[in-house]
Amino acid sequence: MIWRTLLTWLEAMLLAIGLLLGAWSAKVLLVSWYTQTLPIATTKKTLPGDGAAGTSGPLPAPGSVIAQLRAPALQLSTVVLEGSDEQTLARAAGHIEDTSLPGPQGNIGIAGHRDTIFRALRRARVGDEFDLMTADGEYRYRVTRTLIVDPDDVYVLDPTGTPTLTLVTCWPFEFIGHAPKRFIVQAQLTTDVPLATTP
């Protein structure tokens, strides 16, 4: 009789845990889906070292949508939020602070989780193209190299002489837990002007 009571309580407890995990998963998916529908913010300011003059305005607010990143060949499409903290990366890709803002100059750093937003980067190869859409227009980048670095090797985010897009995620992709390395995809701007401008 006692065992039957204990098993009944255990069954009820496991059911409750399953329902809670299901609700949490649904919330994560809903928040991620909603984030992908948000419009791109129009505020922009050139960061030091970007090499462009005359741009003014407030820096984007943390968590605001500042761009959209697409790579059709990799089936990758995500909005880019300002910031790279854990809460931001749980919703979308994040612009790495103190790197150039999305646009036609500087080294733009964008981070994403290897098991969600940037899972498709495992298939990235030299020559692949990425489109970065901002409030000012659309810019196309072509991958020039991929590399694996230690987490402390932040030189990949240093200012560059040519407009560069640097994508960062953890590596190995199949690692369980906190991955020990970083997988880097670097691409260079293929045009000097936006592919399509907004009025």
C-alpha atoms as a PDB file:
ATOM      1  CA  MET A   1       0.000   0.000   0.000  1.00  0.00           C
ATOM      2  CA  ILE A   2       2.823   2.405   0.879  1.00  0.00           C
ATOM      3  CA  TRP A   3       4.613   1.639  -2.384  1.00  0.00           C
ATOM      4  CA  ARG A   4       1.445   2.305  -4.348  1.00  0.00           C
ATOM      5  CA  THR A   5       1.054   5.687  -2.611  1.00  0.00           C
ATOM      6  CA  LEU A   6       4.705   6.548  -3.248  1.00  0.00           C
ATOM      7  CA  LEU A   7       4.393   5.583  -6.913  1.00  0.00           C
ATOM      8  CA  THR A   8       1.270   7.705  -7.250  1.00  0.00           C
ATOM      9  CA  TRP A   9       3.076  10.717  -5.761  1.00  0.00           C
ATOM     10  CA  LEU A  10       6.107  10.071  -7.969  1.00  0.00           C
ATOM     11  CA  GLU A  11       3.898   9.866 -11.046  1.00  0.00           C
ATOM     12  CA  ALA A  12       2.183  13.145 -10.135  1.00  0.00           C
ATOM     13  CA  MET A  13       5.530  14.844  -9.489  1.00  0.00           C
ATOM     14  CA  LEU A  14       7.013  13.679 -12.799  1.00  0.00           C
ATOM     15  CA  LEU A  15       3.893  14.804 -14.634  1.00  0.00           C
ATOM     16  CA  ALA A  16       4.153  18.250 -13.021  1.00  0.00           C
ATOM     17  CA  ILE A  17       7.836  18.520 -13.948  1.00  0.00           C
ATOM     18  CA  GLY A  18       7.035  17.498 -17.526  1.00  0.00           C
ATOM     19  CA  LEU A  19       4.290  20.118 -17.778  1.00  0.00           C
ATOM     20  CA  LEU A  20       6.597  22.811 -16.390  1.00  0.00           C
ATOM     21  CA  LEU A  21       9.366  21.907 -18.846  1.00  0.00           C
ATOM     22  CA  GLY A  22       6.871  21.894 -21.701  1.00  0.00           C
ATOM     23  CA  ALA A  23       5.562  25.329 -20.693  1.00  0.00           C
ATOM     24  CA  TRP A  24       9.116  26.681 -20.406  1.00  0.00           C
ATOM     25  CA  SER A  25      10.028  25.310 -23.867  1.00  0.00           C
ATOM     26  CA  ALA A  26       6.889  26.835 -25.365  1.00  0.00           C
ATOM     27  CA  LYS A  27       7.758  30.199 -23.811  1.00  0.00           C
ATOM     28  CA  VAL A  28      11.319  30.088 -25.224  1.00  0.00           C
ATOM     29  CA  LEU A  29      10.019  29.260 -28.713  1.00  0.00           C
ATOM     30  CA  LEU A  30       7.342  31.956 -28.539  1.00  0.00           C
ATOM     31  CA  VAL A  31       9.788  34.645 -27.393  1.00  0.00           C
ATOM     32  CA  SER A  32      12.256  33.646 -30.121  1.00  0.00           C
ATOM     33  CA  TRP A  33       9.529  33.717 -32.794  1.00  0.00           C
ATOM     34  CA  TYR A  34       8.261  37.107 -31.606  1.00  0.00           C
ATOM     35  CA  THR A  35      11.796  38.543 -31.584  1.00  0.00           C
ATOM     36  CA  GLN A  36      12.270  37.510 -35.228  1.00  0.00           C
ATOM     37  CA  THR A  37       9.223  39.622 -36.219  1.00  0.00           C
ATOM     38  CA  LEU A  38      10.457  42.887 -34.674  1.00  0.00           C
ATOM     39  CA  PRO A  39      11.380  45.778 -37.023  1.00  0.00           C
ATOM     40  CA  ILE A  40      14.923  47.071 -37.349  1.00  0.00           C
ATOM     41  CA  ALA A  41      15.645  50.191 -35.269  1.00  0.00           C
ATOM     42  CA  THR A  42      16.527  53.337 -37.208  1.00  0.00           C
ATOM     43  CA  THR A  43      18.883  54.905 -34.659  1.00  0.00           C
ATOM     44  CA  LYS A  44      22.551  54.655 -35.535  1.00  0.00           C
ATOM     45  CA  LYS A  45      25.860  56.065 -34.417  1.00  0.00           C
ATOM     46  CA  THR A  46      29.316  55.438 -35.806  1.00  0.00           C
ATOM     47  CA  LEU A  47      31.675  53.911 -33.262  1.00  0.00           C
ATOM     48  CA  PRO A  48      35.294  55.089 -32.927  1.00  0.00           C
ATOM     49  CA  GLY A  49      37.453  53.506 -35.603  1.00  0.00           C
ATOM     50  CA  ASP A  50      34.628  52.933 -38.069  1.00  0.00           C
ATOM     51  CA  GLY A  51      36.160  55.395 -40.491  1.00  0.00           C
ATOM     52  CA  ALA A  52      32.922  57.205 -41.352  1.00  0.00           C
ATOM     53  CA  ALA A  53      32.271  60.804 -40.488  1.00  0.00           C
ATOM     54  CA  GLY A  54      29.103  62.754 -40.024  1.00  0.00           C
ATOM     55  CA  THR A  55      26.947  60.019 -38.513  1.00  0.00           C
ATOM     56  CA  SER A  56      25.248  60.952 -35.288  1.00  0.00           C
ATOM     57  CA  GLY A  57      22.483  59.793 -33.028  1.00  0.00           C
ATOM     58  CA  PRO A  58      22.095  57.622 -29.955  1.00  0.00           C
ATOM     59  CA  LEU A  59      23.624  54.190 -29.713  1.00  0.00           C
ATOM     60  CA  PRO A  60      21.067  51.395 -30.056  1.00  0.00           C
ATOM     61  CA  ALA A  61      19.354  50.386 -26.823  1.00  0.00           C
ATOM     62  CA  PRO A  62      20.431  46.998 -25.444  1.00  0.00           C
ATOM     63  CA  GLY A  63      18.173  44.278 -26.820  1.00  0.00           C
ATOM     64  CA  SER A  64      16.847  46.377 -29.719  1.00  0.00           C
ATOM     65  CA  VAL A  65      16.827  44.972 -33.271  1.00  0.00           C
ATOM     66  CA  ILE A  66      19.631  46.608 -35.254  1.00  0.00           C
ATOM     67  CA  ALA A  67      19.883  44.323 -38.300  1.00  0.00           C
ATOM     68  CA  GLN A  68      18.831  41.109 -39.965  1.00  0.00           C
ATOM     69  CA  LEU A  69      21.362  38.496 -41.040  1.00  0.00           C
ATOM     70  CA  ARG A  70      20.623  36.035 -43.848  1.00  0.00           C
ATOM     71  CA  ALA A  71      22.555  33.288 -45.583  1.00  0.00           C
ATOM     72  CA  PRO A  72      20.111  31.503 -47.925  1.00  0.00           C
ATOM     73  CA  ALA A  73      22.614  28.799 -48.876  1.00  0.00           C
ATOM     74  CA  LEU A  74      22.931  27.858 -45.194  1.00  0.00           C
ATOM     75  CA  GLN A  75      19.211  28.318 -44.470  1.00  0.00           C
ATOM     76  CA  LEU A  76      20.130  30.919 -41.846  1.00  0.00           C
ATOM     77  CA  SER A  77      17.932  33.923 -41.104  1.00  0.00           C
ATOM     78  CA  THR A  78      17.893  35.858 -37.845  1.00  0.00           C
ATOM     79  CA  VAL A  79      17.474  39.324 -36.469  1.00  0.00           C
ATOM     80  CA  VAL A  80      20.512  40.843 -34.743  1.00  0.00           C
ATOM     81  CA  LEU A  81      19.925  42.405 -31.335  1.00  0.00           C
ATOM     82  CA  GLU A  82      22.185  44.935 -29.648  1.00  0.00           C
ATOM     83  CA  GLY A  83      24.323  43.196 -27.032  1.00  0.00           C
ATOM     84  CA  SER A  84      25.807  39.762 -26.485  1.00  0.00           C
ATOM     85  CA  ASP A  85      24.702  38.866 -22.947  1.00  0.00           C
ATOM     86  CA  GLU A  86      23.065  35.511 -22.238  1.00  0.00           C
ATOM     87  CA  GLN A  87      19.531  36.918 -22.185  1.00  0.00           C
ATOM     88  CA  THR A  88      20.000  38.514 -25.614  1.00  0.00           C
ATOM     89  CA  LEU A  89      21.566  35.414 -27.183  1.00  0.00           C
ATOM     90  CA  ALA A  90      18.676  33.291 -25.908  1.00  0.00           C
ATOM     91  CA  ARG A  91      16.396  35.296 -28.227  1.00  0.00           C
ATOM     92  CA  ALA A  92      18.488  35.891 -31.366  1.00  0.00           C
ATOM     93  CA  ALA A  93      21.993  36.690 -32.618  1.00  0.00           C
ATOM     94  CA  GLY A  94      23.670  39.560 -30.773  1.00  0.00           C
ATOM     95  CA  HIS A  95      25.924  42.436 -31.824  1.00  0.00           C
ATOM     96  CA  ILE A  96      29.156  42.236 -29.845  1.00  0.00           C
ATOM     97  CA  GLU A  97      29.693  45.433 -27.897  1.00  0.00           C
ATOM     98  CA  ASP A  98      32.587  47.715 -28.922  1.00  0.00           C
ATOM     99  CA  THR A  99      32.693  46.332 -32.461  1.00  0.00           C
ATOM    100  CA  SER A 100      31.433  48.325 -35.431  1.00  0.00           C
ATOM    101  CA  LEU A 101      27.706  48.656 -35.860  1.00  0.00           C
ATOM    102  CA  PRO A 102      26.155  46.871 -38.864  1.00  0.00           C
ATOM    103  CA  GLY A 103      26.836  48.872 -41.995  1.00  0.00           C
ATOM    104  CA  PRO A 104      29.496  49.418 -44.651  1.00  0.00           C
ATOM    105  CA  GLN A 105      32.545  49.961 -42.426  1.00  0.00           C
ATOM    106  CA  GLY A 106      34.640  48.446 -39.646  1.00  0.00           C
ATOM    107  CA  ASN A 107      34.691  44.939 -38.188  1.00  0.00           C
ATOM    108  CA  ILE A 108      31.147  43.954 -37.170  1.00  0.00           C
ATOM    109  CA  GLY A 109      31.068  41.245 -34.509  1.00  0.00           C
ATOM    110  CA  ILE A 110      27.935  39.116 -34.180  1.00  0.00           C
ATOM    111  CA  ALA A 111      27.579  36.191 -31.741  1.00  0.00           C
ATOM    112  CA  GLY A 112      25.050  33.371 -31.583  1.00  0.00           C
ATOM    113  CA  HIS A 113      24.514  30.029 -29.879  1.00  0.00           C
ATOM    114  CA  ARG A 114      25.852  26.969 -31.730  1.00  0.00           C
ATOM    115  CA  ASP A 115      22.780  24.882 -30.892  1.00  0.00           C
ATOM    116  CA  THR A 116      20.124  27.395 -31.987  1.00  0.00           C
ATOM    117  CA  ILE A 117      20.605  30.545 -34.104  1.00  0.00           C
ATOM    118  CA  PHE A 118      24.115  29.772 -35.423  1.00  0.00           C
ATOM    119  CA  ARG A 119      23.742  26.002 -35.791  1.00  0.00           C
ATOM    120  CA  ALA A 120      23.885  26.482 -39.576  1.00  0.00           C
ATOM    121  CA  LEU A 121      27.418  27.938 -39.349  1.00  0.00           C
ATOM    122  CA  ARG A 122      28.815  24.391 -39.152  1.00  0.00           C
ATOM    123  CA  ARG A 123      28.261  24.270 -42.937  1.00  0.00           C
ATOM    124  CA  ALA A 124      29.868  27.671 -43.673  1.00  0.00           C
ATOM    125  CA  ARG A 125      32.591  27.591 -46.324  1.00  0.00           C
ATOM    126  CA  VAL A 126      34.853  30.135 -48.025  1.00  0.00           C
ATOM    127  CA  GLY A 127      32.835  31.836 -50.750  1.00  0.00           C
ATOM    128  CA  ASP A 128      29.453  31.618 -48.987  1.00  0.00           C
ATOM    129  CA  GLU A 129      27.480  34.864 -48.941  1.00  0.00           C
ATOM    130  CA  PHE A 130      25.777  36.642 -46.053  1.00  0.00           C
ATOM    131  CA  ASP A 131      23.351  39.546 -46.421  1.00  0.00           C
ATOM    132  CA  LEU A 132      23.143  42.059 -43.585  1.00  0.00           C
ATOM    133  CA  MET A 133      20.053  44.271 -43.648  1.00  0.00           C
ATOM    134  CA  THR A 134      19.965  47.486 -41.625  1.00  0.00           C
ATOM    135  CA  ALA A 135      17.654  50.489 -41.531  1.00  0.00           C
ATOM    136  CA  ASP A 136      20.031  52.118 -44.049  1.00  0.00           C
ATOM    137  CA  GLY A 137      20.137  49.332 -46.597  1.00  0.00           C
ATOM    138  CA  GLU A 138      21.425  45.865 -47.421  1.00  0.00           C
ATOM    139  CA  TYR A 139      25.061  44.795 -47.517  1.00  0.00           C
ATOM    140  CA  ARG A 140      26.514  41.605 -48.947  1.00  0.00           C
ATOM    141  CA  TYR A 141      29.542  39.858 -47.455  1.00  0.00           C
ATOM    142  CA  ARG A 142      31.497  36.890 -48.824  1.00  0.00           C
ATOM    143  CA  VAL A 143      33.247  34.451 -46.475  1.00  0.00           C
ATOM    144  CA  THR A 144      37.030  34.709 -46.707  1.00  0.00           C
ATOM    145  CA  ARG A 145      37.983  32.322 -43.896  1.00  0.00           C
ATOM    146  CA  THR A 146      36.796  30.150 -41.033  1.00  0.00           C
ATOM    147  CA  LEU A 147      38.930  29.355 -38.010  1.00  0.00           C
ATOM    148  CA  ILE A 148      38.832  27.870 -34.528  1.00  0.00           C
ATOM    149  CA  VAL A 149      40.272  29.925 -31.675  1.00  0.00           C
ATOM    150  CA  ASP A 150      40.439  29.970 -27.882  1.00  0.00           C
ATOM    151  CA  PRO A 151      37.850  32.122 -26.060  1.00  0.00           C
ATOM    152  CA  ASP A 152      40.607  34.615 -25.153  1.00  0.00           C
ATOM    153  CA  ASP A 153      41.637  35.125 -28.790  1.00  0.00           C
ATOM    154  CA  VAL A 154      39.620  38.301 -29.267  1.00  0.00           C
ATOM    155  CA  TYR A 155      42.001  39.611 -31.931  1.00  0.00           C
ATOM    156  CA  VAL A 156      39.444  38.412 -34.499  1.00  0.00           C
ATOM    157  CA  LEU A 157      37.261  41.349 -33.369  1.00  0.00           C
ATOM    158  CA  ASP A 158      40.005  43.971 -33.785  1.00  0.00           C
ATOM    159  CA  PRO A 159      39.391  46.846 -36.245  1.00  0.00           C
ATOM    160  CA  THR A 160      40.155  45.857 -39.834  1.00  0.00           C
ATOM    161  CA  GLY A 161      41.342  47.789 -42.873  1.00  0.00           C
ATOM    162  CA  THR A 162      38.454  46.466 -44.961  1.00  0.00           C
ATOM    163  CA  PRO A 163      34.763  46.193 -44.028  1.00  0.00           C
ATOM    164  CA  THR A 164      34.442  42.818 -42.282  1.00  0.00           C
ATOM    165  CA  LEU A 165      31.696  40.699 -40.770  1.00  0.00           C
ATOM    166  CA  THR A 166      32.886  38.407 -37.957  1.00  0.00           C
ATOM    167  CA  LEU A 167      30.489  35.710 -36.740  1.00  0.00           C
ATOM    168  CA  VAL A 168      31.286  33.978 -33.448  1.00  0.00           C
ATOM    169  CA  THR A 169      29.855  30.800 -31.943  1.00  0.00           C
ATOM    170  CA  CYS A 170      31.051  27.993 -29.683  1.00  0.00           C
ATOM    171  CA  TRP A 171      32.910  24.908 -30.936  1.00  0.00           C
ATOM    172  CA  PRO A 172      32.766  21.903 -31.182  1.00  0.00           C
ATOM    173  CA  PHE A 173      29.147  22.017 -32.300  1.00  0.00           C
ATOM    174  CA  GLU A 174      28.354  18.584 -30.801  1.00  0.00           C
ATOM    175  CA  PHE A 175      30.032  19.293 -27.432  1.00  0.00           C
ATOM    176  CA  ILE A 176      27.847  18.771 -24.361  1.00  0.00           C
ATOM    177  CA  GLY A 177      28.174  21.612 -21.854  1.00  0.00           C
ATOM    178  CA  HIS A 178      30.283  24.748 -22.214  1.00  0.00           C
ATOM    179  CA  ALA A 179      32.332  24.302 -25.386  1.00  0.00           C
ATOM    180  CA  PRO A 180      36.058  25.054 -24.970  1.00  0.00           C
ATOM    181  CA  LYS A 181      36.699  26.796 -28.306  1.00  0.00           C
ATOM    182  CA  ARG A 182      35.151  29.410 -30.607  1.00  0.00           C
ATOM    183  CA  PHE A 183      34.265  28.923 -34.262  1.00  0.00           C
ATOM    184  CA  ILE A 184      34.818  32.080 -36.307  1.00  0.00           C
ATOM    185  CA  VAL A 185      33.457  32.960 -39.734  1.00  0.00           C
ATOM    186  CA  GLN A 186      34.926  36.090 -41.296  1.00  0.00           C
ATOM    187  CA  ALA A 187      33.516  37.684 -44.437  1.00  0.00           C
ATOM    188  CA  GLN A 188      34.359  40.840 -46.366  1.00  0.00           C
ATOM    189  CA  LEU A 189      32.000  43.341 -47.932  1.00  0.00           C
ATOM    190  CA  THR A 190      31.683  42.696 -51.658  1.00  0.00           C
ATOM    191  CA  THR A 191      30.320  46.165 -52.536  1.00  0.00           C
ATOM    192  CA  ASP A 192      31.089  49.693 -51.338  1.00  0.00           C
ATOM    193  CA  VAL A 193      27.431  50.754 -51.325  1.00  0.00           C
ATOM    194  CA  PRO A 194      24.203  49.161 -50.078  1.00  0.00           C
ATOM    195  CA  LEU A 195      22.596  46.671 -52.446  1.00  0.00           C
ATOM    196  CA  ALA A 196      19.213  48.252 -51.715  1.00  0.00           C
ATOM    197  CA  THR A 197      18.540  51.470 -49.885  1.00  0.00           C
ATOM    198  CA  THR A 198      15.448  52.480 -47.960  1.00  0.00           C
ATOM    199  CA  PRO A 199      13.998  55.990 -48.481  1.00  0.00           C
END
